[in-house]
Amino acid sequence: MQRSVSITKTVDIVMPVVGGALLLLAVRAWRPYGGRVVLRAVLLCLGYALLDEIHQHFVPGRAFQLADLGLDLLGSTLGAWLGLRLFR
């Protein structure tokens, strides 16, 4: 049981990292010379994560968890920052 929890938490960080990096590319393509691309990408990821947590509230056996929202925020911030550094 403990192993599946650690796998789930790992996925909760890895997926937003990928999403943050991809959204950074999308935001930068949309406004290539605009500032705050990392902030915009992270806010879009946070909005998606919030909608996902609200959705989980209505699914039997699932629950809205602030910890998951925090992990999504951490992962998307890391992904957007890495994307900014890697995709110059």
PDB file of N, CA and C in Angstrom:
ATOM      1  N   MET A   1       0.823  -1.200   0.000  1.00  0.00           N
ATOM      2  CA  MET A   1       0.000   0.000   0.000  1.00  0.00           C
ATOM      3  C   MET A   1       0.861   1.255   0.000  1.00  0.00           C
ATOM      4  N   GLN A   2       1.936   1.231   0.800  1.00  0.00           N
ATOM      5  CA  GLN A   2       2.816   2.390   0.896  1.00  0.00           C
ATOM      6  C   GLN A   2       3.487   2.683  -0.446  1.00  0.00           C
ATOM      7  N   ARG A   3       3.825   1.627  -1.184  1.00  0.00           N
ATOM      8  CA  ARG A   3       4.479   1.810  -2.478  1.00  0.00           C
ATOM      9  C   ARG A   3       3.566   2.531  -3.465  1.00  0.00           C
ATOM     10  N   SER A   4       2.286   2.184  -3.487  1.00  0.00           N
ATOM     11  CA  SER A   4       1.363   2.832  -4.419  1.00  0.00           C
ATOM     12  C   SER A   4       1.163   4.304  -4.062  1.00  0.00           C
ATOM     13  N   VAL A   5       1.245   4.645  -2.785  1.00  0.00           N
ATOM     14  CA  VAL A   5       1.130   6.040  -2.369  1.00  0.00           C
ATOM     15  C   VAL A   5       2.334   6.833  -2.862  1.00  0.00           C
ATOM     16  N   SER A   6       3.537   6.273  -2.746  1.00  0.00           N
ATOM     17  CA  SER A   6       4.724   6.983  -3.207  1.00  0.00           C
ATOM     18  C   SER A   6       4.737   7.126  -4.723  1.00  0.00           C
ATOM     19  N   ILE A   7       4.237   6.129  -5.439  1.00  0.00           N
ATOM     20  CA  ILE A   7       4.136   6.230  -6.897  1.00  0.00           C
ATOM     21  C   ILE A   7       3.147   7.323  -7.270  1.00  0.00           C
ATOM     22  N   THR A   8       2.027   7.377  -6.576  1.00  0.00           N
ATOM     23  CA  THR A   8       1.027   8.412  -6.847  1.00  0.00           C
ATOM     24  C   THR A   8       1.591   9.798  -6.592  1.00  0.00           C
ATOM     25  N   LYS A   9       2.308   9.991  -5.504  1.00  0.00           N
ATOM     26  CA  LYS A   9       2.884  11.304  -5.202  1.00  0.00           C
ATOM     27  C   LYS A   9       3.968  11.670  -6.213  1.00  0.00           C
ATOM     28  N   THR A  10       4.727  10.688  -6.688  1.00  0.00           N
ATOM     29  CA  THR A  10       5.731  10.946  -7.719  1.00  0.00           C
ATOM     30  C   THR A  10       5.061  11.417  -9.003  1.00  0.00           C
ATOM     31  N   VAL A  11       3.986  10.746  -9.376  1.00  0.00           N
ATOM     32  CA  VAL A  11       3.241  11.156 -10.570  1.00  0.00           C
ATOM     33  C   VAL A  11       2.639  12.545 -10.364  1.00  0.00           C
ATOM     34  N   ASP A  12       2.194  12.849  -9.140  1.00  0.00           N
ATOM     35  CA  ASP A  12       1.633  14.168  -8.841  1.00  0.00           C
ATOM     36  C   ASP A  12       2.650  15.286  -9.035  1.00  0.00           C
ATOM     37  N   ILE A  13       3.938  14.973  -8.987  1.00  0.00           N
ATOM     38  CA  ILE A  13       4.957  15.993  -9.227  1.00  0.00           C
ATOM     39  C   ILE A  13       5.447  15.945 -10.677  1.00  0.00           C
ATOM     40  N   VAL A  14       5.660  14.752 -11.226  1.00  0.00           N
ATOM     41  CA  VAL A  14       6.224  14.626 -12.575  1.00  0.00           C
ATOM     42  C   VAL A  14       5.277  15.170 -13.642  1.00  0.00           C
ATOM     43  N   MET A  15       4.005  14.852 -13.558  1.00  0.00           N
ATOM     44  CA  MET A  15       3.061  15.316 -14.586  1.00  0.00           C
ATOM     45  C   MET A  15       2.957  16.846 -14.642  1.00  0.00           C
ATOM     46  N   PRO A  16       2.851  17.539 -13.525  1.00  0.00           N
ATOM     47  CA  PRO A  16       2.843  19.003 -13.608  1.00  0.00           C
ATOM     48  C   PRO A  16       4.171  19.594 -14.094  1.00  0.00           C
ATOM     49  N   VAL A  17       5.287  18.909 -13.852  1.00  0.00           N
ATOM     50  CA  VAL A  17       6.564  19.398 -14.380  1.00  0.00           C
ATOM     51  C   VAL A  17       6.503  19.417 -15.901  1.00  0.00           C
ATOM     52  N   VAL A  18       6.022  18.347 -16.478  1.00  0.00           N
ATOM     53  CA  VAL A  18       5.877  18.274 -17.932  1.00  0.00           C
ATOM     54  C   VAL A  18       4.856  19.312 -18.410  1.00  0.00           C
ATOM     55  N   GLY A  19       3.729  19.391 -17.713  1.00  0.00           N
ATOM     56  CA  GLY A  19       2.703  20.371 -18.084  1.00  0.00           C
ATOM     57  C   GLY A  19       3.200  21.799 -17.970  1.00  0.00           C
ATOM     58  N   GLY A  20       3.953  22.092 -16.927  1.00  0.00           N
ATOM     59  CA  GLY A  20       4.495  23.438 -16.752  1.00  0.00           C
ATOM     60  C   GLY A  20       5.452  23.815 -17.869  1.00  0.00           C
ATOM     61  N   ALA A  21       6.301  22.869 -18.257  1.00  0.00           N
ATOM     62  CA  ALA A  21       7.248  23.139 -19.343  1.00  0.00           C
ATOM     63  C   ALA A  21       6.517  23.336 -20.668  1.00  0.00           C
ATOM     64  N   LEU A  22       5.525  22.499 -20.946  1.00  0.00           N
ATOM     65  CA  LEU A  22       4.781  22.630 -22.199  1.00  0.00           C
ATOM     66  C   LEU A  22       3.940  23.908 -22.232  1.00  0.00           C
ATOM     67  N   LEU A  23       3.328  24.240 -21.110  1.00  0.00           N
ATOM     68  CA  LEU A  23       2.552  25.481 -21.072  1.00  0.00           C
ATOM     69  C   LEU A  23       3.453  26.704 -21.174  1.00  0.00           C
ATOM     70  N   LEU A  24       4.658  26.623 -20.654  1.00  0.00           N
ATOM     71  CA  LEU A  24       5.602  27.720 -20.834  1.00  0.00           C
ATOM     72  C   LEU A  24       5.872  27.939 -22.314  1.00  0.00           C
ATOM     73  N   LEU A  25       6.073  26.854 -23.052  1.00  0.00           N
ATOM     74  CA  LEU A  25       6.296  26.983 -24.488  1.00  0.00           C
ATOM     75  C   LEU A  25       5.078  27.580 -25.191  1.00  0.00           C
ATOM     76  N   ALA A  26       3.897  27.158 -24.783  1.00  0.00           N
ATOM     77  CA  ALA A  26       2.676  27.677 -25.399  1.00  0.00           C
ATOM     78  C   ALA A  26       2.487  29.158 -25.094  1.00  0.00           C
ATOM     79  N   VAL A  27       2.700  29.546 -23.857  1.00  0.00           N
ATOM     80  CA  VAL A  27       2.538  30.953 -23.478  1.00  0.00           C
ATOM     81  C   VAL A  27       3.585  31.804 -24.181  1.00  0.00           C
ATOM     82  N   ARG A  28       4.797  31.298 -24.262  1.00  0.00           N
ATOM     83  CA  ARG A  28       5.858  32.058 -24.922  1.00  0.00           C
ATOM     84  C   ARG A  28       5.610  32.182 -26.415  1.00  0.00           C
ATOM     85  N   ALA A  29       5.008  31.167 -27.032  1.00  0.00           N
ATOM     86  CA  ALA A  29       4.674  31.252 -28.454  1.00  0.00           C
ATOM     87  C   ALA A  29       3.547  32.254 -28.692  1.00  0.00           C
ATOM     88  N   TRP A  30       2.643  32.339 -27.739  1.00  0.00           N
ATOM     89  CA  TRP A  30       1.508  33.243 -27.864  1.00  0.00           C
ATOM     90  C   TRP A  30       1.940  34.694 -27.670  1.00  0.00           C
ATOM     91  N   ARG A  31       2.795  34.940 -26.695  1.00  0.00           N
ATOM     92  CA  ARG A  31       3.327  36.273 -26.426  1.00  0.00           C
ATOM     93  C   ARG A  31       4.835  36.161 -26.246  1.00  0.00           C
ATOM     94  N   PRO A  32       5.572  36.047 -27.354  1.00  0.00           N
ATOM     95  CA  PRO A  32       6.998  35.761 -27.239  1.00  0.00           C
ATOM     96  C   PRO A  32       7.803  36.849 -26.542  1.00  0.00           C
ATOM     97  N   TYR A  33       7.355  38.071 -26.602  1.00  0.00           N
ATOM     98  CA  TYR A  33       8.123  39.155 -26.001  1.00  0.00           C
ATOM     99  C   TYR A  33       7.471  39.713 -24.749  1.00  0.00           C
ATOM    100  N   GLY A  34       6.375  39.108 -24.333  1.00  0.00           N
ATOM    101  CA  GLY A  34       5.712  39.557 -23.111  1.00  0.00           C
ATOM    102  C   GLY A  34       6.441  39.035 -21.883  1.00  0.00           C
ATOM    103  N   GLY A  35       6.363  39.761 -20.820  1.00  0.00           N
ATOM    104  CA  GLY A  35       7.010  39.322 -19.587  1.00  0.00           C
ATOM    105  C   GLY A  35       6.145  38.345 -18.822  1.00  0.00           C
ATOM    106  N   ARG A  36       6.715  37.818 -17.790  1.00  0.00           N
ATOM    107  CA  ARG A  36       6.011  36.950 -16.854  1.00  0.00           C
ATOM    108  C   ARG A  36       5.493  35.657 -17.472  1.00  0.00           C
ATOM    109  N   VAL A  37       6.236  35.080 -18.397  1.00  0.00           N
ATOM    110  CA  VAL A  37       5.770  33.844 -19.027  1.00  0.00           C
ATOM    111  C   VAL A  37       5.710  32.694 -18.032  1.00  0.00           C
ATOM    112  N   VAL A  38       6.655  32.655 -17.099  1.00  0.00           N
ATOM    113  CA  VAL A  38       6.641  31.577 -16.094  1.00  0.00           C
ATOM    114  C   VAL A  38       5.401  31.714 -15.216  1.00  0.00           C
ATOM    115  N   LEU A  39       5.112  32.935 -14.778  1.00  0.00           N
ATOM    116  CA  LEU A  39       3.941  33.168 -13.944  1.00  0.00           C
ATOM    117  C   LEU A  39       2.663  32.779 -14.668  1.00  0.00           C
ATOM    118  N   ARG A  40       2.548  33.141 -15.919  1.00  0.00           N
ATOM    119  CA  ARG A  40       1.347  32.790 -16.689  1.00  0.00           C
ATOM    120  C   ARG A  40       1.206  31.286 -16.848  1.00  0.00           C
ATOM    121  N   ALA A  41       2.301  30.606 -17.144  1.00  0.00           N
ATOM    122  CA  ALA A  41       2.252  29.151 -17.299  1.00  0.00           C
ATOM    123  C   ALA A  41       1.869  28.482 -15.976  1.00  0.00           C
ATOM    124  N   VAL A  42       2.436  28.961 -14.877  1.00  0.00           N
ATOM    125  CA  VAL A  42       2.135  28.374 -13.567  1.00  0.00           C
ATOM    126  C   VAL A  42       0.678  28.633 -13.186  1.00  0.00           C
ATOM    127  N   LEU A  43       0.167  29.816 -13.465  1.00  0.00           N
ATOM    128  CA  LEU A  43      -1.227  30.119 -13.148  1.00  0.00           C
ATOM    129  C   LEU A  43      -2.185  29.248 -13.963  1.00  0.00           C
ATOM    130  N   LEU A  44      -1.862  28.998 -15.223  1.00  0.00           N
ATOM    131  CA  LEU A  44      -2.689  28.102 -16.034  1.00  0.00           C
ATOM    132  C   LEU A  44      -2.663  26.682 -15.463  1.00  0.00           C
ATOM    133  N   CYS A  45      -1.491  26.221 -15.064  1.00  0.00           N
ATOM    134  CA  CYS A  45      -1.387  24.888 -14.447  1.00  0.00           C
ATOM    135  C   CYS A  45      -2.151  24.828 -13.129  1.00  0.00           C
ATOM    136  N   LEU A  46      -2.048  25.891 -12.344  1.00  0.00           N
ATOM    137  CA  LEU A  46      -2.760  25.931 -11.067  1.00  0.00           C
ATOM    138  C   LEU A  46      -4.271  25.908 -11.295  1.00  0.00           C
ATOM    139  N   GLY A  47      -4.744  26.623 -12.291  1.00  0.00           N
ATOM    140  CA  GLY A  47      -6.171  26.592 -12.612  1.00  0.00           C
ATOM    141  C   GLY A  47      -6.637  25.203 -12.994  1.00  0.00           C
ATOM    142  N   TYR A  48      -5.837  24.516 -13.803  1.00  0.00           N
ATOM    143  CA  TYR A  48      -6.185  23.147 -14.179  1.00  0.00           C
ATOM    144  C   TYR A  48      -6.172  22.230 -12.963  1.00  0.00           C
ATOM    145  N   ALA A  49      -5.156  22.375 -12.109  1.00  0.00           N
ATOM    146  CA  ALA A  49      -5.056  21.540 -10.912  1.00  0.00           C
ATOM    147  C   ALA A  49      -6.241  21.775  -9.978  1.00  0.00           C
ATOM    148  N   LEU A  50      -6.652  23.018  -9.848  1.00  0.00           N
ATOM    149  CA  LEU A  50      -7.796  23.333  -9.000  1.00  0.00           C
ATOM    150  C   LEU A  50      -9.072  22.698  -9.553  1.00  0.00           C
ATOM    151  N   LEU A  51      -9.266  22.791 -10.861  1.00  0.00           N
ATOM    152  CA  LEU A  51     -10.436  22.152 -11.471  1.00  0.00           C
ATOM    153  C   LEU A  51     -10.390  20.632 -11.285  1.00  0.00           C
ATOM    154  N   ASP A  52      -9.212  20.054 -11.384  1.00  0.00           N
ATOM    155  CA  ASP A  52      -9.072  18.615 -11.188  1.00  0.00           C
ATOM    156  C   ASP A  52      -9.413  18.216  -9.755  1.00  0.00           C
ATOM    157  N   GLU A  53      -8.963  19.002  -8.782  1.00  0.00           N
ATOM    158  CA  GLU A  53      -9.276  18.701  -7.385  1.00  0.00           C
ATOM    159  C   GLU A  53     -10.772  18.873  -7.102  1.00  0.00           C
ATOM    160  N   ILE A  54     -11.387  19.882  -7.677  1.00  0.00           N
ATOM    161  CA  ILE A  54     -12.841  20.061  -7.514  1.00  0.00           C
ATOM    162  C   ILE A  54     -13.574  18.862  -8.120  1.00  0.00           C
ATOM    163  N   HIS A  55     -13.117  18.422  -9.294  1.00  0.00           N
ATOM    164  CA  HIS A  55     -13.715  17.254  -9.934  1.00  0.00           C
ATOM    165  C   HIS A  55     -13.594  16.025  -9.037  1.00  0.00           C
ATOM    166  N   GLN A  56     -12.432  15.844  -8.399  1.00  0.00           N
ATOM    167  CA  GLN A  56     -12.222  14.678  -7.540  1.00  0.00           C
ATOM    168  C   GLN A  56     -13.146  14.691  -6.320  1.00  0.00           C
ATOM    169  N   HIS A  57     -13.569  15.862  -5.918  1.00  0.00           N
ATOM    170  CA  HIS A  57     -14.491  15.969  -4.788  1.00  0.00           C
ATOM    171  C   HIS A  57     -15.809  15.238  -5.073  1.00  0.00           C
ATOM    172  N   PHE A  58     -16.205  15.202  -6.338  1.00  0.00           N
ATOM    173  CA  PHE A  58     -17.482  14.599  -6.715  1.00  0.00           C
ATOM    174  C   PHE A  58     -17.355  13.142  -7.155  1.00  0.00           C
ATOM    175  N   VAL A  59     -16.144  12.618  -7.219  1.00  0.00           N
ATOM    176  CA  VAL A  59     -15.922  11.235  -7.633  1.00  0.00           C
ATOM    177  C   VAL A  59     -15.895  10.345  -6.389  1.00  0.00           C
ATOM    178  N   PRO A  60     -16.714   9.288  -6.355  1.00  0.00           N
ATOM    179  CA  PRO A  60     -16.718   8.396  -5.192  1.00  0.00           C
ATOM    180  C   PRO A  60     -15.325   7.798  -4.949  1.00  0.00           C
ATOM    181  N   GLY A  61     -14.899   7.834  -3.704  1.00  0.00           N
ATOM    182  CA  GLY A  61     -13.601   7.287  -3.347  1.00  0.00           C
ATOM    183  C   GLY A  61     -12.447   8.267  -3.503  1.00  0.00           C
ATOM    184  N   ARG A  62     -12.722   9.443  -4.013  1.00  0.00           N
ATOM    185  CA  ARG A  62     -11.684  10.468  -4.179  1.00  0.00           C
ATOM    186  C   ARG A  62     -12.068  11.669  -3.322  1.00  0.00           C
ATOM    187  N   ALA A  63     -11.122  12.576  -3.129  1.00  0.00           N
ATOM    188  CA  ALA A  63     -11.394  13.744  -2.293  1.00  0.00           C
ATOM    189  C   ALA A  63     -10.549  14.922  -2.763  1.00  0.00           C
ATOM    190  N   PHE A  64     -11.028  16.114  -2.463  1.00  0.00           N
ATOM    191  CA  PHE A  64     -10.267  17.342  -2.693  1.00  0.00           C
ATOM    192  C   PHE A  64      -9.156  17.376  -1.651  1.00  0.00           C
ATOM    193  N   GLN A  65      -7.905  17.470  -2.112  1.00  0.00           N
ATOM    194  CA  GLN A  65      -6.778  17.479  -1.177  1.00  0.00           C
ATOM    195  C   GLN A  65      -5.862  18.657  -1.492  1.00  0.00           C
ATOM    196  N   LEU A  66      -5.681  19.501  -0.489  1.00  0.00           N
ATOM    197  CA  LEU A  66      -4.788  20.652  -0.667  1.00  0.00           C
ATOM    198  C   LEU A  66      -3.349  20.212  -0.898  1.00  0.00           C
ATOM    199  N   ALA A  67      -2.968  19.077  -0.319  1.00  0.00           N
ATOM    200  CA  ALA A  67      -1.600  18.576  -0.520  1.00  0.00           C
ATOM    201  C   ALA A  67      -1.348  18.283  -1.997  1.00  0.00           C
ATOM    202  N   ASP A  68      -2.319  17.678  -2.671  1.00  0.00           N
ATOM    203  CA  ASP A  68      -2.174  17.408  -4.106  1.00  0.00           C
ATOM    204  C   ASP A  68      -2.105  18.709  -4.898  1.00  0.00           C
ATOM    205  N   LEU A  69      -2.897  19.679  -4.505  1.00  0.00           N
ATOM    206  CA  LEU A  69      -2.871  20.979  -5.169  1.00  0.00           C
ATOM    207  C   LEU A  69      -1.495  21.625  -4.987  1.00  0.00           C
ATOM    208  N   GLY A  70      -0.938  21.504  -3.795  1.00  0.00           N
ATOM    209  CA  GLY A  70       0.394  22.037  -3.533  1.00  0.00           C
ATOM    210  C   GLY A  70       1.470  21.334  -4.351  1.00  0.00           C
ATOM    211  N   LEU A  71       1.356  20.006  -4.476  1.00  0.00           N
ATOM    212  CA  LEU A  71       2.316  19.267  -5.295  1.00  0.00           C
ATOM    213  C   LEU A  71       2.204  19.652  -6.761  1.00  0.00           C
ATOM    214  N   ASP A  72       0.981  19.870  -7.236  1.00  0.00           N
ATOM    215  CA  ASP A  72       0.788  20.315  -8.611  1.00  0.00           C
ATOM    216  C   ASP A  72       1.415  21.693  -8.829  1.00  0.00           C
ATOM    217  N   LEU A  73       1.245  22.574  -7.862  1.00  0.00           N
ATOM    218  CA  LEU A  73       1.833  23.909  -7.953  1.00  0.00           C
ATOM    219  C   LEU A  73       3.360  23.827  -7.952  1.00  0.00           C
ATOM    220  N   LEU A  74       3.904  23.019  -7.073  1.00  0.00           N
ATOM    221  CA  LEU A  74       5.354  22.840  -7.011  1.00  0.00           C
ATOM    222  C   LEU A  74       5.889  22.268  -8.322  1.00  0.00           C
ATOM    223  N   GLY A  75       5.236  21.239  -8.811  1.00  0.00           N
ATOM    224  CA  GLY A  75       5.677  20.606 -10.058  1.00  0.00           C
ATOM    225  C   GLY A  75       5.575  21.519 -11.261  1.00  0.00           C
ATOM    226  N   SER A  76       4.480  22.259 -11.368  1.00  0.00           N
ATOM    227  CA  SER A  76       4.324  23.147 -12.523  1.00  0.00           C
ATOM    228  C   SER A  76       5.301  24.316 -12.468  1.00  0.00           C
ATOM    229  N   THR A  77       5.590  24.808 -11.268  1.00  0.00           N
ATOM    230  CA  THR A  77       6.578  25.879 -11.135  1.00  0.00           C
ATOM    231  C   THR A  77       7.960  25.372 -11.546  1.00  0.00           C
ATOM    232  N   LEU A  78       8.307  24.185 -11.080  1.00  0.00           N
ATOM    233  CA  LEU A  78       9.589  23.591 -11.463  1.00  0.00           C
ATOM    234  C   LEU A  78       9.651  23.359 -12.966  1.00  0.00           C
ATOM    235  N   GLY A  79       8.573  22.852 -13.544  1.00  0.00           N
ATOM    236  CA  GLY A  79       8.543  22.597 -14.980  1.00  0.00           C
ATOM    237  C   GLY A  79       8.650  23.863 -15.802  1.00  0.00           C
ATOM    238  N   ALA A  80       7.951  24.920 -15.397  1.00  0.00           N
ATOM    239  CA  ALA A  80       8.020  26.184 -16.128  1.00  0.00           C
ATOM    240  C   ALA A  80       9.418  26.777 -16.021  1.00  0.00           C
ATOM    241  N   TRP A  81      10.020  26.691 -14.839  1.00  0.00           N
ATOM    242  CA  TRP A  81      11.367  27.219 -14.653  1.00  0.00           C
ATOM    243  C   TRP A  81      12.382  26.433 -15.493  1.00  0.00           C
ATOM    244  N   LEU A  82      12.267  25.091 -15.459  1.00  0.00           N
ATOM    245  CA  LEU A  82      13.160  24.269 -16.289  1.00  0.00           C
ATOM    246  C   LEU A  82      12.940  24.533 -17.764  1.00  0.00           C
ATOM    247  N   GLY A  83      11.679  24.673 -18.151  1.00  0.00           N
ATOM    248  CA  GLY A  83      11.382  24.982 -19.554  1.00  0.00           C
ATOM    249  C   GLY A  83      11.991  26.287 -20.000  1.00  0.00           C
ATOM    250  N   LEU A  84      11.960  27.271 -19.129  1.00  0.00           N
ATOM    251  CA  LEU A  84      12.571  28.566 -19.442  1.00  0.00           C
ATOM    252  C   LEU A  84      14.070  28.412 -19.645  1.00  0.00           C
ATOM    253  N   ARG A  85      14.691  27.573 -18.837  1.00  0.00           N
ATOM    254  CA  ARG A  85      16.140  27.386 -18.932  1.00  0.00           C
ATOM    255  C   ARG A  85      16.529  26.497 -20.139  1.00  0.00           C
ATOM    256  N   LEU A  86      15.725  25.481 -20.411  1.00  0.00           N
ATOM    257  CA  LEU A  86      16.072  24.534 -21.479  1.00  0.00           C
ATOM    258  C   LEU A  86      15.701  24.997 -22.872  1.00  0.00           C
ATOM    259  N   PHE A  87      14.611  25.734 -23.003  1.00  0.00           N
ATOM    260  CA  PHE A  87      14.090  26.094 -24.322  1.00  0.00           C
ATOM    261  C   PHE A  87      14.326  27.561 -24.647  1.00  0.00           C
ATOM    262  N   ARG A  88      15.534  27.998 -24.504  1.00  0.00           N
ATOM    263  CA  ARG A  88      15.844  29.417 -24.784  1.00  0.00           C
ATOM    264  C   ARG A  88      15.862  29.704 -26.243  1.00  0.00           C
TER     265      ARG A  88
END
